[in-house]
Amino acid sequence: MTDKMPTQPKTYAEAGVDVEKADRFVHRLKALAARPEHESLWKVPSGYAAIYPTGADSAVACTTDGVGTKLLVAMAMEKFDTIGIDLVAMCANDLICVGATPGMFLDYFATGKVEDLKADQIIKGIVEGCDQAGMVLAGGETAEMPDLYQGDHFDLAGFAMGTVSRSTLIDCSKVAVGDAIIAVASSGIHSNGLSLARKLIDRTSRFYAQLLVPTRIYCRPVSEIFSKHPGAIKGMAHITGGGWTNIGRIGKTFGYQIDKPLPVPGIFDELLRHVQDIGEMYNTFNMGMGLTLVCAEADVAGILATFEAHEFVAARVGTVEGSFKGIRVTAGDVAAKPLNIAFSNKT
């Protein structure tokens, strides 16, 4: 099995993924689904989870996601025991961005035929991901559809629920000019941009195995910050599809100046060699930053100490600005010329 194409794409769109078209679909979906009952939901501009109130001061946060074409990397390598970690990560990391404490996870596993060894490995990974996130795998669905999934193809979807209160809700309303931006390192490519990356890195490359490194789950240190430093995190962004444009989900009335970015893992240097456009890289991949937080300067030390105690790499990388809107990177790979990243239309 090979992922190599005769002509290599250089952009996510050329690889077949139209992010802007997908964003437009989401906006149409919201209009079609709109009902008066939506007014009772708690509002969070970041859009990382839907929040349904269960009382005056309590609510459940719900989110869903998948793993995308990272599944094809697992199939090519015939290694299925980590892909479930990615599935949980994509949901659990979204929950914490609204201030929720992850609690319960459900999975959907669709395949042409259940193969015991592969299925067991997939569930093993999901359970490991739940353990890392502090969630319980409460149930799920396995569907055999041989007429739909040919050969060894399959798909995974995850559904996660957490609890949140008015006092712990992160609605980004307290973000202010002068606040600090903290970045937490990714483990690599995570679970986004694989439709492009698979077509650029051949199966024979020493970098190919890095495409399957599991997505980092940030729940444990973030939950501890919620407990020990309540209210310290004013805004948070999980850097997924759309790369660094996700930072704008914290609030689009500000500018985000990144002048001390985290080191960029080698997998992205290899991808850049093919893409040859640094802007496309930052608009597609996480570039070493899996999670972004905004807090007051006074809270930086406590937050960084918590991540360090959990053996996560984190650093203060920039400042919230009021003189421009967007994301501006002025160091690291783009030191020679500042890189300006526009906000996406995701929310």
C-alpha atoms as a PDB file:
ATOM      1  CA  MET A   1       0.000   0.000   0.000  1.00  0.00           C
ATOM      2  CA  THR A   2       1.386   3.456  -0.888  1.00  0.00           C
ATOM      3  CA  ASP A   3       0.280   7.013  -0.311  1.00  0.00           C
ATOM      4  CA  LYS A   4       2.598   8.436  -3.000  1.00  0.00           C
ATOM      5  CA  MET A   5       1.074  10.429  -5.850  1.00  0.00           C
ATOM      6  CA  PRO A   6       2.617  11.074  -9.298  1.00  0.00           C
ATOM      7  CA  THR A   7       2.359  14.829  -8.705  1.00  0.00           C
ATOM      8  CA  GLN A   8       2.850  15.995  -5.145  1.00  0.00           C
ATOM      9  CA  PRO A   9       0.398  18.599  -3.831  1.00  0.00           C
ATOM     10  CA  LYS A  10       1.880  21.653  -2.151  1.00  0.00           C
ATOM     11  CA  THR A  11      -1.231  22.871  -0.333  1.00  0.00           C
ATOM     12  CA  TYR A  12      -4.009  21.358   1.753  1.00  0.00           C
ATOM     13  CA  ALA A  13      -6.478  22.332  -0.989  1.00  0.00           C
ATOM     14  CA  GLU A  14      -4.436  20.567  -3.665  1.00  0.00           C
ATOM     15  CA  ALA A  15      -4.487  17.479  -1.429  1.00  0.00           C
ATOM     16  CA  GLY A  16      -8.283  17.571  -1.632  1.00  0.00           C
ATOM     17  CA  VAL A  17      -9.196  19.409   1.579  1.00  0.00           C
ATOM     18  CA  ASP A  18     -11.000  22.732   1.122  1.00  0.00           C
ATOM     19  CA  VAL A  19     -11.012  24.240   4.630  1.00  0.00           C
ATOM     20  CA  GLU A  20     -12.847  27.389   3.571  1.00  0.00           C
ATOM     21  CA  LYS A  21     -15.604  25.375   1.896  1.00  0.00           C
ATOM     22  CA  ALA A  22     -15.962  23.267   5.040  1.00  0.00           C
ATOM     23  CA  ASP A  23     -16.241  26.430   7.143  1.00  0.00           C
ATOM     24  CA  ARG A  24     -18.993  27.725   4.866  1.00  0.00           C
ATOM     25  CA  PHE A  25     -20.847  24.434   5.271  1.00  0.00           C
ATOM     26  CA  VAL A  26     -20.687  24.778   9.062  1.00  0.00           C
ATOM     27  CA  HIS A  27     -22.253  28.227   8.840  1.00  0.00           C
ATOM     28  CA  ARG A  28     -25.052  26.867   6.625  1.00  0.00           C
ATOM     29  CA  LEU A  29     -25.533  23.983   9.040  1.00  0.00           C
ATOM     30  CA  LYS A  30     -25.944  26.389  11.947  1.00  0.00           C
ATOM     31  CA  ALA A  31     -28.612  28.286  10.034  1.00  0.00           C
ATOM     32  CA  LEU A  32     -30.491  25.105   9.116  1.00  0.00           C
ATOM     33  CA  ALA A  33     -30.368  23.707  12.655  1.00  0.00           C
ATOM     34  CA  ALA A  34     -31.241  26.951  14.462  1.00  0.00           C
ATOM     35  CA  ARG A  35     -34.161  26.579  16.856  1.00  0.00           C
ATOM     36  CA  PRO A  36     -35.448  28.742  19.751  1.00  0.00           C
ATOM     37  CA  GLU A  37     -34.118  26.119  22.176  1.00  0.00           C
ATOM     38  CA  HIS A  38     -30.566  27.049  21.202  1.00  0.00           C
ATOM     39  CA  GLU A  39     -30.976  30.258  23.166  1.00  0.00           C
ATOM     40  CA  SER A  40     -30.756  28.283  26.414  1.00  0.00           C
ATOM     41  CA  LEU A  41     -27.290  26.950  25.580  1.00  0.00           C
ATOM     42  CA  TRP A  42     -24.361  28.659  27.246  1.00  0.00           C
ATOM     43  CA  LYS A  43     -22.436  30.713  24.696  1.00  0.00           C
ATOM     44  CA  VAL A  44     -18.726  30.229  24.056  1.00  0.00           C
ATOM     45  CA  PRO A  45     -17.272  31.980  20.993  1.00  0.00           C
ATOM     46  CA  SER A  46     -14.508  29.408  20.552  1.00  0.00           C
ATOM     47  CA  GLY A  47     -17.024  26.759  19.453  1.00  0.00           C
ATOM     48  CA  TYR A  48     -15.062  23.865  20.932  1.00  0.00           C
ATOM     49  CA  ALA A  49     -18.116  22.320  22.611  1.00  0.00           C
ATOM     50  CA  ALA A  50     -21.871  22.675  22.938  1.00  0.00           C
ATOM     51  CA  ILE A  51     -22.848  23.518  26.508  1.00  0.00           C
ATOM     52  CA  TYR A  52     -26.244  22.417  27.785  1.00  0.00           C
ATOM     53  CA  PRO A  53     -27.354  23.772  31.185  1.00  0.00           C
ATOM     54  CA  THR A  54     -28.529  21.314  33.811  1.00  0.00           C
ATOM     55  CA  GLY A  55     -29.104  23.987  36.452  1.00  0.00           C
ATOM     56  CA  ALA A  56     -28.581  27.668  37.141  1.00  0.00           C
ATOM     57  CA  ASP A  57     -24.848  27.161  37.701  1.00  0.00           C
ATOM     58  CA  SER A  58     -24.148  23.775  36.130  1.00  0.00           C
ATOM     59  CA  ALA A  59     -23.971  22.360  32.608  1.00  0.00           C
ATOM     60  CA  VAL A  60     -22.640  19.526  30.496  1.00  0.00           C
ATOM     61  CA  ALA A  61     -20.239  20.224  27.650  1.00  0.00           C
ATOM     62  CA  CYS A  62     -20.426  17.886  24.651  1.00  0.00           C
ATOM     63  CA  THR A  63     -18.188  17.505  21.636  1.00  0.00           C
ATOM     64  CA  THR A  64     -17.438  15.044  18.842  1.00  0.00           C
ATOM     65  CA  ASP A  65     -14.567  14.424  16.429  1.00  0.00           C
ATOM     66  CA  GLY A  66     -12.673  11.811  14.477  1.00  0.00           C
ATOM     67  CA  VAL A  67      -9.122  10.945  13.483  1.00  0.00           C
ATOM     68  CA  GLY A  68      -9.298  11.681   9.762  1.00  0.00           C
ATOM     69  CA  THR A  69      -6.872  10.105   7.328  1.00  0.00           C
ATOM     70  CA  LYS A  70      -4.398   9.281  10.084  1.00  0.00           C
ATOM     71  CA  LEU A  71      -6.334   6.002   9.938  1.00  0.00           C
ATOM     72  CA  LEU A  72      -4.673   5.327   6.570  1.00  0.00           C
ATOM     73  CA  VAL A  73      -1.240   5.695   8.175  1.00  0.00           C
ATOM     74  CA  ALA A  74      -2.238   3.134  10.811  1.00  0.00           C
ATOM     75  CA  MET A  75      -3.423   0.816   8.035  1.00  0.00           C
ATOM     76  CA  ALA A  76      -0.204   1.256   6.045  1.00  0.00           C
ATOM     77  CA  MET A  77       1.900   0.473   9.120  1.00  0.00           C
ATOM     78  CA  GLU A  78      -0.496  -2.233  10.353  1.00  0.00           C
ATOM     79  CA  LYS A  79      -0.324  -0.653  13.793  1.00  0.00           C
ATOM     80  CA  PHE A  80      -3.634   0.118  15.493  1.00  0.00           C
ATOM     81  CA  ASP A  81      -2.910   0.382  19.221  1.00  0.00           C
ATOM     82  CA  THR A  82      -2.388   4.160  19.341  1.00  0.00           C
ATOM     83  CA  ILE A  83      -5.014   5.525  16.949  1.00  0.00           C
ATOM     84  CA  GLY A  84      -7.606   5.352  19.738  1.00  0.00           C
ATOM     85  CA  ILE A  85      -5.483   7.765  21.791  1.00  0.00           C
ATOM     86  CA  ASP A  86      -5.808  10.255  18.941  1.00  0.00           C
ATOM     87  CA  LEU A  87      -9.574   9.773  18.905  1.00  0.00           C
ATOM     88  CA  VAL A  88      -9.914  10.604  22.582  1.00  0.00           C
ATOM     89  CA  ALA A  89      -7.448  13.493  22.337  1.00  0.00           C
ATOM     90  CA  MET A  90      -9.361  15.228  19.562  1.00  0.00           C
ATOM     91  CA  CYS A  91     -12.459  15.336  21.766  1.00  0.00           C
ATOM     92  CA  ALA A  92     -11.009  15.728  25.267  1.00  0.00           C
ATOM     93  CA  ASN A  93      -8.677  18.594  24.314  1.00  0.00           C
ATOM     94  CA  ASP A  94     -11.673  20.459  22.914  1.00  0.00           C
ATOM     95  CA  LEU A  95     -13.631  20.032  26.151  1.00  0.00           C
ATOM     96  CA  ILE A  96     -10.985  21.681  28.314  1.00  0.00           C
ATOM     97  CA  CYS A  97     -10.935  24.706  25.992  1.00  0.00           C
ATOM     98  CA  VAL A  98     -14.347  25.730  27.377  1.00  0.00           C
ATOM     99  CA  GLY A  99     -13.343  25.044  30.986  1.00  0.00           C
ATOM    100  CA  ALA A 100     -14.997  21.632  31.232  1.00  0.00           C
ATOM    101  CA  THR A 101     -13.691  18.683  33.206  1.00  0.00           C
ATOM    102  CA  PRO A 102     -13.814  15.614  30.924  1.00  0.00           C
ATOM    103  CA  GLY A 103     -15.972  12.817  32.289  1.00  0.00           C
ATOM    104  CA  MET A 104     -17.385  10.337  29.781  1.00  0.00           C
ATOM    105  CA  PHE A 105     -16.466   9.044  26.319  1.00  0.00           C
ATOM    106  CA  LEU A 106     -18.369   7.055  23.668  1.00  0.00           C
ATOM    107  CA  ASP A 107     -16.891   5.609  20.481  1.00  0.00           C
ATOM    108  CA  TYR A 108     -18.270   4.627  17.066  1.00  0.00           C
ATOM    109  CA  PHE A 109     -16.278   2.017  15.144  1.00  0.00           C
ATOM    110  CA  ALA A 110     -17.452   1.313  11.595  1.00  0.00           C
ATOM    111  CA  THR A 111     -15.824  -1.369   9.470  1.00  0.00           C
ATOM    112  CA  GLY A 112     -16.456  -3.838   6.668  1.00  0.00           C
ATOM    113  CA  LYS A 113     -15.618  -6.756   8.932  1.00  0.00           C
ATOM    114  CA  VAL A 114     -14.608  -6.944  12.590  1.00  0.00           C
ATOM    115  CA  GLU A 115     -11.112  -8.406  12.836  1.00  0.00           C
ATOM    116  CA  ASP A 116     -10.500  -9.406  16.437  1.00  0.00           C
ATOM    117  CA  LEU A 117      -6.841  -8.413  16.781  1.00  0.00           C
ATOM    118  CA  LYS A 118      -7.245  -5.046  15.053  1.00  0.00           C
ATOM    119  CA  ALA A 119     -10.456  -4.244  16.933  1.00  0.00           C
ATOM    120  CA  ASP A 120      -8.855  -5.131  20.257  1.00  0.00           C
ATOM    121  CA  GLN A 121      -5.873  -2.875  19.521  1.00  0.00           C
ATOM    122  CA  ILE A 122      -8.130   0.023  18.575  1.00  0.00           C
ATOM    123  CA  ILE A 123     -10.159  -0.268  21.787  1.00  0.00           C
ATOM    124  CA  LYS A 124      -6.951  -0.626  23.795  1.00  0.00           C
ATOM    125  CA  GLY A 125      -5.865   2.750  22.456  1.00  0.00           C
ATOM    126  CA  ILE A 126      -9.234   4.336  23.235  1.00  0.00           C
ATOM    127  CA  VAL A 127      -9.067   3.071  26.824  1.00  0.00           C
ATOM    128  CA  GLU A 128      -5.494   4.370  27.158  1.00  0.00           C
ATOM    129  CA  GLY A 129      -6.633   7.757  25.855  1.00  0.00           C
ATOM    130  CA  CYS A 130      -9.506   7.832  28.336  1.00  0.00           C
ATOM    131  CA  ASP A 131      -7.088   7.018  31.161  1.00  0.00           C
ATOM    132  CA  GLN A 132      -4.828   9.905  30.100  1.00  0.00           C
ATOM    133  CA  ALA A 133      -7.796  12.282  29.908  1.00  0.00           C
ATOM    134  CA  GLY A 134      -9.393  11.153  33.172  1.00  0.00           C
ATOM    135  CA  MET A 135     -12.505   9.898  31.381  1.00  0.00           C
ATOM    136  CA  VAL A 136     -14.447   6.650  31.461  1.00  0.00           C
ATOM    137  CA  LEU A 137     -15.272   4.767  28.267  1.00  0.00           C
ATOM    138  CA  ALA A 138     -18.987   4.410  29.018  1.00  0.00           C
ATOM    139  CA  GLY A 139     -20.147   2.768  25.805  1.00  0.00           C
ATOM    140  CA  GLY A 140     -20.180   2.935  22.043  1.00  0.00           C
ATOM    141  CA  GLU A 141     -21.265   1.294  18.802  1.00  0.00           C
ATOM    142  CA  THR A 142     -19.574  -1.163  16.459  1.00  0.00           C
ATOM    143  CA  ALA A 143     -21.053  -1.399  12.962  1.00  0.00           C
ATOM    144  CA  GLU A 144     -20.152  -3.957  10.293  1.00  0.00           C
ATOM    145  CA  MET A 145     -20.953  -2.652   6.796  1.00  0.00           C
ATOM    146  CA  PRO A 146     -19.142  -4.725   4.166  1.00  0.00           C
ATOM    147  CA  ASP A 147     -20.926  -3.006   1.270  1.00  0.00           C
ATOM    148  CA  LEU A 148     -19.707   0.403   2.451  1.00  0.00           C
ATOM    149  CA  TYR A 149     -16.189  -0.253   3.819  1.00  0.00           C
ATOM    150  CA  GLN A 150     -14.090  -2.193   1.316  1.00  0.00           C
ATOM    151  CA  GLY A 151     -11.081  -4.303   2.240  1.00  0.00           C
ATOM    152  CA  ASP A 152      -9.515  -3.329   5.548  1.00  0.00           C
ATOM    153  CA  HIS A 153     -10.919   0.215   5.605  1.00  0.00           C
ATOM    154  CA  PHE A 154     -12.690   1.491   8.698  1.00  0.00           C
ATOM    155  CA  ASP A 155     -13.608   4.724  10.440  1.00  0.00           C
ATOM    156  CA  LEU A 156     -13.710   5.989  14.009  1.00  0.00           C
ATOM    157  CA  ALA A 157     -15.709   8.740  15.690  1.00  0.00           C
ATOM    158  CA  GLY A 158     -15.662   9.864  19.288  1.00  0.00           C
ATOM    159  CA  PHE A 159     -18.160  11.644  21.513  1.00  0.00           C
ATOM    160  CA  ALA A 160     -17.119  13.227  24.815  1.00  0.00           C
ATOM    161  CA  MET A 161     -18.948  14.860  27.699  1.00  0.00           C
ATOM    162  CA  GLY A 162     -17.652  16.948  30.558  1.00  0.00           C
ATOM    163  CA  THR A 163     -19.041  19.080  33.353  1.00  0.00           C
ATOM    164  CA  VAL A 164     -18.695  22.828  33.700  1.00  0.00           C
ATOM    165  CA  SER A 165     -20.046  25.569  35.951  1.00  0.00           C
ATOM    166  CA  ARG A 166     -20.563  29.282  35.399  1.00  0.00           C
ATOM    167  CA  SER A 167     -17.474  30.000  37.482  1.00  0.00           C
ATOM    168  CA  THR A 168     -15.242  27.630  35.501  1.00  0.00           C
ATOM    169  CA  LEU A 169     -16.628  28.424  32.024  1.00  0.00           C
ATOM    170  CA  ILE A 170     -13.987  29.826  29.661  1.00  0.00           C
ATOM    171  CA  ASP A 171     -15.916  32.216  27.430  1.00  0.00           C
ATOM    172  CA  CYS A 172     -12.856  34.361  26.609  1.00  0.00           C
ATOM    173  CA  SER A 173     -14.668  37.514  27.773  1.00  0.00           C
ATOM    174  CA  LYS A 174     -11.854  38.488  30.168  1.00  0.00           C
ATOM    175  CA  VAL A 175      -9.044  38.386  27.596  1.00  0.00           C
ATOM    176  CA  ALA A 176      -7.314  41.780  27.523  1.00  0.00           C
ATOM    177  CA  VAL A 177      -4.525  43.588  25.724  1.00  0.00           C
ATOM    178  CA  GLY A 178      -1.236  42.843  27.467  1.00  0.00           C
ATOM    179  CA  ASP A 179      -2.192  39.307  28.496  1.00  0.00           C
ATOM    180  CA  ALA A 180       0.422  36.609  28.063  1.00  0.00           C
ATOM    181  CA  ILE A 181       0.211  33.836  25.466  1.00  0.00           C
ATOM    182  CA  ILE A 182       1.425  30.417  26.594  1.00  0.00           C
ATOM    183  CA  ALA A 183       2.123  27.561  24.195  1.00  0.00           C
ATOM    184  CA  VAL A 184       2.200  23.888  25.131  1.00  0.00           C
ATOM    185  CA  ALA A 185       4.207  21.608  22.873  1.00  0.00           C
ATOM    186  CA  SER A 186       2.618  19.066  20.581  1.00  0.00           C
ATOM    187  CA  SER A 187       3.945  15.527  20.207  1.00  0.00           C
ATOM    188  CA  GLY A 188       4.275  16.056  16.465  1.00  0.00           C
ATOM    189  CA  ILE A 189       1.725  16.321  13.675  1.00  0.00           C
ATOM    190  CA  HIS A 190      -1.160  15.155  15.925  1.00  0.00           C
ATOM    191  CA  SER A 191      -4.312  14.309  13.903  1.00  0.00           C
ATOM    192  CA  ASN A 192      -4.610  17.124  11.380  1.00  0.00           C
ATOM    193  CA  GLY A 193      -3.120  17.824   7.972  1.00  0.00           C
ATOM    194  CA  LEU A 194      -2.565  14.135   7.217  1.00  0.00           C
ATOM    195  CA  SER A 195      -4.337  14.319   3.844  1.00  0.00           C
ATOM    196  CA  LEU A 196      -1.434  16.508   2.732  1.00  0.00           C
ATOM    197  CA  ALA A 197       1.374  15.030   4.840  1.00  0.00           C
ATOM    198  CA  ARG A 198       0.723  11.445   3.676  1.00  0.00           C
ATOM    199  CA  LYS A 199       1.187  12.525   0.076  1.00  0.00           C
ATOM    200  CA  LEU A 200       4.483  14.262   0.798  1.00  0.00           C
ATOM    201  CA  ILE A 201       6.238  11.725   3.012  1.00  0.00           C
ATOM    202  CA  ASP A 202       6.826   8.367   1.364  1.00  0.00           C
ATOM    203  CA  ARG A 203       6.449   5.049   3.195  1.00  0.00           C
ATOM    204  CA  THR A 204      10.214   4.541   2.829  1.00  0.00           C
ATOM    205  CA  SER A 205      11.032   7.820   4.599  1.00  0.00           C
ATOM    206  CA  ARG A 206      12.369   7.764   8.151  1.00  0.00           C
ATOM    207  CA  PHE A 207       9.732  10.405   8.916  1.00  0.00           C
ATOM    208  CA  TYR A 208       6.751   8.235   7.974  1.00  0.00           C
ATOM    209  CA  ALA A 209       6.461   6.519  11.366  1.00  0.00           C
ATOM    210  CA  GLN A 210       6.323   9.970  13.005  1.00  0.00           C
ATOM    211  CA  LEU A 211       2.968  10.550  11.323  1.00  0.00           C
ATOM    212  CA  LEU A 212       1.478   7.949  13.677  1.00  0.00           C
ATOM    213  CA  VAL A 213       2.804   9.415  16.967  1.00  0.00           C
ATOM    214  CA  PRO A 214      -0.309   9.876  19.160  1.00  0.00           C
ATOM    215  CA  THR A 215      -1.844  13.289  19.767  1.00  0.00           C
ATOM    216  CA  ARG A 216      -0.860  14.767  23.131  1.00  0.00           C
ATOM    217  CA  ILE A 217      -3.686  14.865  25.686  1.00  0.00           C
ATOM    218  CA  TYR A 218      -3.522  17.995  27.851  1.00  0.00           C
ATOM    219  CA  CYS A 219      -6.351  17.290  30.292  1.00  0.00           C
ATOM    220  CA  ARG A 220      -4.436  16.345  33.447  1.00  0.00           C
ATOM    221  CA  PRO A 221      -2.293  19.501  33.786  1.00  0.00           C
ATOM    222  CA  VAL A 222      -5.099  21.788  32.613  1.00  0.00           C
ATOM    223  CA  SER A 223      -7.560  20.273  35.091  1.00  0.00           C
ATOM    224  CA  GLU A 224      -5.002  20.860  37.846  1.00  0.00           C
ATOM    225  CA  ILE A 225      -4.696  24.490  36.761  1.00  0.00           C
ATOM    226  CA  PHE A 226      -8.496  24.791  36.932  1.00  0.00           C
ATOM    227  CA  SER A 227      -8.309  23.517  40.520  1.00  0.00           C
ATOM    228  CA  LYS A 228      -5.194  25.298  41.827  1.00  0.00           C
ATOM    229  CA  HIS A 229      -5.460  28.514  39.827  1.00  0.00           C
ATOM    230  CA  PRO A 230      -9.208  29.061  39.253  1.00  0.00           C
ATOM    231  CA  GLY A 231      -9.950  31.688  36.635  1.00  0.00           C
ATOM    232  CA  ALA A 232      -6.305  32.014  35.609  1.00  0.00           C
ATOM    233  CA  ILE A 233      -6.901  30.706  32.069  1.00  0.00           C
ATOM    234  CA  LYS A 234      -8.846  33.394  30.212  1.00  0.00           C
ATOM    235  CA  GLY A 235      -8.842  31.707  26.814  1.00  0.00           C
ATOM    236  CA  MET A 236      -7.618  28.480  25.296  1.00  0.00           C
ATOM    237  CA  ALA A 237      -7.257  27.079  21.781  1.00  0.00           C
ATOM    238  CA  HIS A 238      -6.667  23.490  20.682  1.00  0.00           C
ATOM    239  CA  ILE A 239      -4.491  23.782  17.556  1.00  0.00           C
ATOM    240  CA  THR A 240      -6.156  21.375  15.123  1.00  0.00           C
ATOM    241  CA  GLY A 241      -7.364  21.706  11.517  1.00  0.00           C
ATOM    242  CA  GLY A 242      -6.417  25.130  10.201  1.00  0.00           C
ATOM    243  CA  GLY A 243      -3.196  25.288  12.187  1.00  0.00           C
ATOM    244  CA  TRP A 244      -2.449  28.533  13.970  1.00  0.00           C
ATOM    245  CA  THR A 245      -5.610  30.207  12.676  1.00  0.00           C
ATOM    246  CA  ASN A 246      -7.256  28.435  15.638  1.00  0.00           C
ATOM    247  CA  ILE A 247      -5.648  30.983  17.969  1.00  0.00           C
ATOM    248  CA  GLY A 248      -8.287  33.417  16.719  1.00  0.00           C
ATOM    249  CA  ARG A 249     -10.991  31.297  18.345  1.00  0.00           C
ATOM    250  CA  ILE A 250      -9.931  32.897  21.626  1.00  0.00           C
ATOM    251  CA  GLY A 251     -11.227  36.218  20.305  1.00  0.00           C
ATOM    252  CA  LYS A 252     -11.096  38.020  16.987  1.00  0.00           C
ATOM    253  CA  THR A 253     -10.992  41.569  18.339  1.00  0.00           C
ATOM    254  CA  PHE A 254      -7.313  41.203  19.269  1.00  0.00           C
ATOM    255  CA  GLY A 255      -3.951  40.557  17.723  1.00  0.00           C
ATOM    256  CA  TYR A 256      -1.736  37.711  18.889  1.00  0.00           C
ATOM    257  CA  GLN A 257       1.967  38.530  18.713  1.00  0.00           C
ATOM    258  CA  ILE A 258       4.149  35.405  18.799  1.00  0.00           C
ATOM    259  CA  ASP A 259       7.795  36.379  19.227  1.00  0.00           C
ATOM    260  CA  LYS A 260       9.241  33.383  21.087  1.00  0.00           C
ATOM    261  CA  PRO A 261       7.630  30.276  19.534  1.00  0.00           C
ATOM    262  CA  LEU A 262       8.406  26.774  20.715  1.00  0.00           C
ATOM    263  CA  PRO A 263      10.938  24.743  18.692  1.00  0.00           C
ATOM    264  CA  VAL A 264       9.470  23.239  15.520  1.00  0.00           C
ATOM    265  CA  PRO A 265       9.761  19.402  15.375  1.00  0.00           C
ATOM    266  CA  GLY A 266      11.726  17.909  12.501  1.00  0.00           C
ATOM    267  CA  ILE A 267       8.632  16.395  10.855  1.00  0.00           C
ATOM    268  CA  PHE A 268       7.505  19.921   9.918  1.00  0.00           C
ATOM    269  CA  ASP A 269      10.914  20.841   8.488  1.00  0.00           C
ATOM    270  CA  GLU A 270      10.605  17.794   6.237  1.00  0.00           C
ATOM    271  CA  LEU A 271       7.094  18.798   5.174  1.00  0.00           C
ATOM    272  CA  LEU A 272       8.223  22.378   4.492  1.00  0.00           C
ATOM    273  CA  ARG A 273      10.881  21.012   2.141  1.00  0.00           C
ATOM    274  CA  HIS A 274       8.009  19.806  -0.068  1.00  0.00           C
ATOM    275  CA  VAL A 275       5.420  22.538   0.558  1.00  0.00           C
ATOM    276  CA  GLN A 276       7.926  25.411   0.209  1.00  0.00           C
ATOM    277  CA  ASP A 277       5.457  27.918   1.640  1.00  0.00           C
ATOM    278  CA  ILE A 278       5.810  28.784   5.326  1.00  0.00           C
ATOM    279  CA  GLY A 279       2.367  30.442   5.380  1.00  0.00           C
ATOM    280  CA  GLU A 280       0.694  27.247   4.144  1.00  0.00           C
ATOM    281  CA  MET A 281       2.503  25.319   6.876  1.00  0.00           C
ATOM    282  CA  TYR A 282       1.188  27.524   9.695  1.00  0.00           C
ATOM    283  CA  ASN A 283      -2.301  27.504   8.185  1.00  0.00           C
ATOM    284  CA  THR A 284      -2.361  23.702   8.051  1.00  0.00           C
ATOM    285  CA  PHE A 285      -0.238  22.202  10.838  1.00  0.00           C
ATOM    286  CA  ASN A 286       0.303  22.851  14.550  1.00  0.00           C
ATOM    287  CA  MET A 287       4.029  23.552  13.974  1.00  0.00           C
ATOM    288  CA  GLY A 288       4.954  22.263  17.423  1.00  0.00           C
ATOM    289  CA  MET A 289       2.243  24.054  19.404  1.00  0.00           C
ATOM    290  CA  GLY A 290      -0.660  21.778  20.339  1.00  0.00           C
ATOM    291  CA  LEU A 291      -2.406  24.048  22.832  1.00  0.00           C
ATOM    292  CA  THR A 292      -2.476  27.830  23.341  1.00  0.00           C
ATOM    293  CA  LEU A 293      -3.520  29.587  26.541  1.00  0.00           C
ATOM    294  CA  VAL A 294      -4.074  33.240  27.399  1.00  0.00           C
ATOM    295  CA  CYS A 295      -3.640  34.475  30.964  1.00  0.00           C
ATOM    296  CA  ALA A 296      -2.625  37.536  32.972  1.00  0.00           C
ATOM    297  CA  GLU A 297       1.121  38.065  33.326  1.00  0.00           C
ATOM    298  CA  ALA A 298       0.853  37.358  37.050  1.00  0.00           C
ATOM    299  CA  ASP A 299      -0.432  33.829  36.388  1.00  0.00           C
ATOM    300  CA  VAL A 300       2.256  32.743  33.922  1.00  0.00           C
ATOM    301  CA  ALA A 301       4.658  31.239  36.473  1.00  0.00           C
ATOM    302  CA  GLY A 302       2.025  29.102  38.194  1.00  0.00           C
ATOM    303  CA  ILE A 303       0.653  27.761  34.912  1.00  0.00           C
ATOM    304  CA  LEU A 304       4.095  26.927  33.528  1.00  0.00           C
ATOM    305  CA  ALA A 305       5.056  25.197  36.783  1.00  0.00           C
ATOM    306  CA  THR A 306       1.986  22.957  36.550  1.00  0.00           C
ATOM    307  CA  PHE A 307       2.790  21.865  33.001  1.00  0.00           C
ATOM    308  CA  GLU A 308       6.410  21.236  33.978  1.00  0.00           C
ATOM    309  CA  ALA A 309       5.299  19.088  36.927  1.00  0.00           C
ATOM    310  CA  HIS A 310       3.334  16.930  34.472  1.00  0.00           C
ATOM    311  CA  GLU A 311       6.372  16.762  32.140  1.00  0.00           C
ATOM    312  CA  PHE A 312       4.824  18.902  29.406  1.00  0.00           C
ATOM    313  CA  VAL A 313       6.945  21.456  27.551  1.00  0.00           C
ATOM    314  CA  ALA A 314       5.336  24.894  27.832  1.00  0.00           C
ATOM    315  CA  ALA A 315       6.544  28.475  27.537  1.00  0.00           C
ATOM    316  CA  ARG A 316       5.386  32.075  27.338  1.00  0.00           C
ATOM    317  CA  VAL A 317       5.545  32.747  23.595  1.00  0.00           C
ATOM    318  CA  GLY A 318       3.850  36.087  23.074  1.00  0.00           C
ATOM    319  CA  THR A 319       1.409  38.820  24.001  1.00  0.00           C
ATOM    320  CA  VAL A 320      -2.169  39.820  23.223  1.00  0.00           C
ATOM    321  CA  GLU A 321      -2.085  43.098  21.285  1.00  0.00           C
ATOM    322  CA  GLY A 322      -4.658  45.741  20.450  1.00  0.00           C
ATOM    323  CA  SER A 323      -2.941  47.463  17.535  1.00  0.00           C
ATOM    324  CA  PHE A 324      -3.797  44.822  14.936  1.00  0.00           C
ATOM    325  CA  LYS A 325      -6.055  41.815  14.368  1.00  0.00           C
ATOM    326  CA  GLY A 326      -4.757  38.389  13.435  1.00  0.00           C
ATOM    327  CA  ILE A 327      -1.731  36.320  14.378  1.00  0.00           C
ATOM    328  CA  ARG A 328       1.750  37.719  13.804  1.00  0.00           C
ATOM    329  CA  VAL A 329       4.849  35.534  14.091  1.00  0.00           C
ATOM    330  CA  THR A 330       8.165  37.376  14.265  1.00  0.00           C
ATOM    331  CA  ALA A 331      10.667  34.711  15.319  1.00  0.00           C
ATOM    332  CA  GLY A 332      11.602  31.083  14.795  1.00  0.00           C
ATOM    333  CA  ASP A 333      11.213  29.805  11.228  1.00  0.00           C
ATOM    334  CA  VAL A 334       9.938  33.192  10.047  1.00  0.00           C
ATOM    335  CA  ALA A 335      12.540  35.416  11.717  1.00  0.00           C
ATOM    336  CA  ALA A 336      13.700  36.887   8.391  1.00  0.00           C
ATOM    337  CA  LYS A 337      10.223  38.210   7.572  1.00  0.00           C
ATOM    338  CA  PRO A 338       7.207  38.474   9.910  1.00  0.00           C
ATOM    339  CA  LEU A 339       4.390  36.065   9.082  1.00  0.00           C
ATOM    340  CA  ASN A 340       0.837  37.385   9.286  1.00  0.00           C
ATOM    341  CA  ILE A 341      -1.891  34.759   9.715  1.00  0.00           C
ATOM    342  CA  ALA A 342      -5.518  35.768   9.171  1.00  0.00           C
ATOM    343  CA  PHE A 343      -8.298  34.479  11.397  1.00  0.00           C
ATOM    344  CA  SER A 344     -10.341  31.612   9.984  1.00  0.00           C
ATOM    345  CA  ASN A 345     -14.107  31.552   9.617  1.00  0.00           C
ATOM    346  CA  LYS A 346     -14.392  28.364  11.698  1.00  0.00           C
ATOM    347  CA  THR A 347     -16.608  29.952  14.388  1.00  0.00           C
END
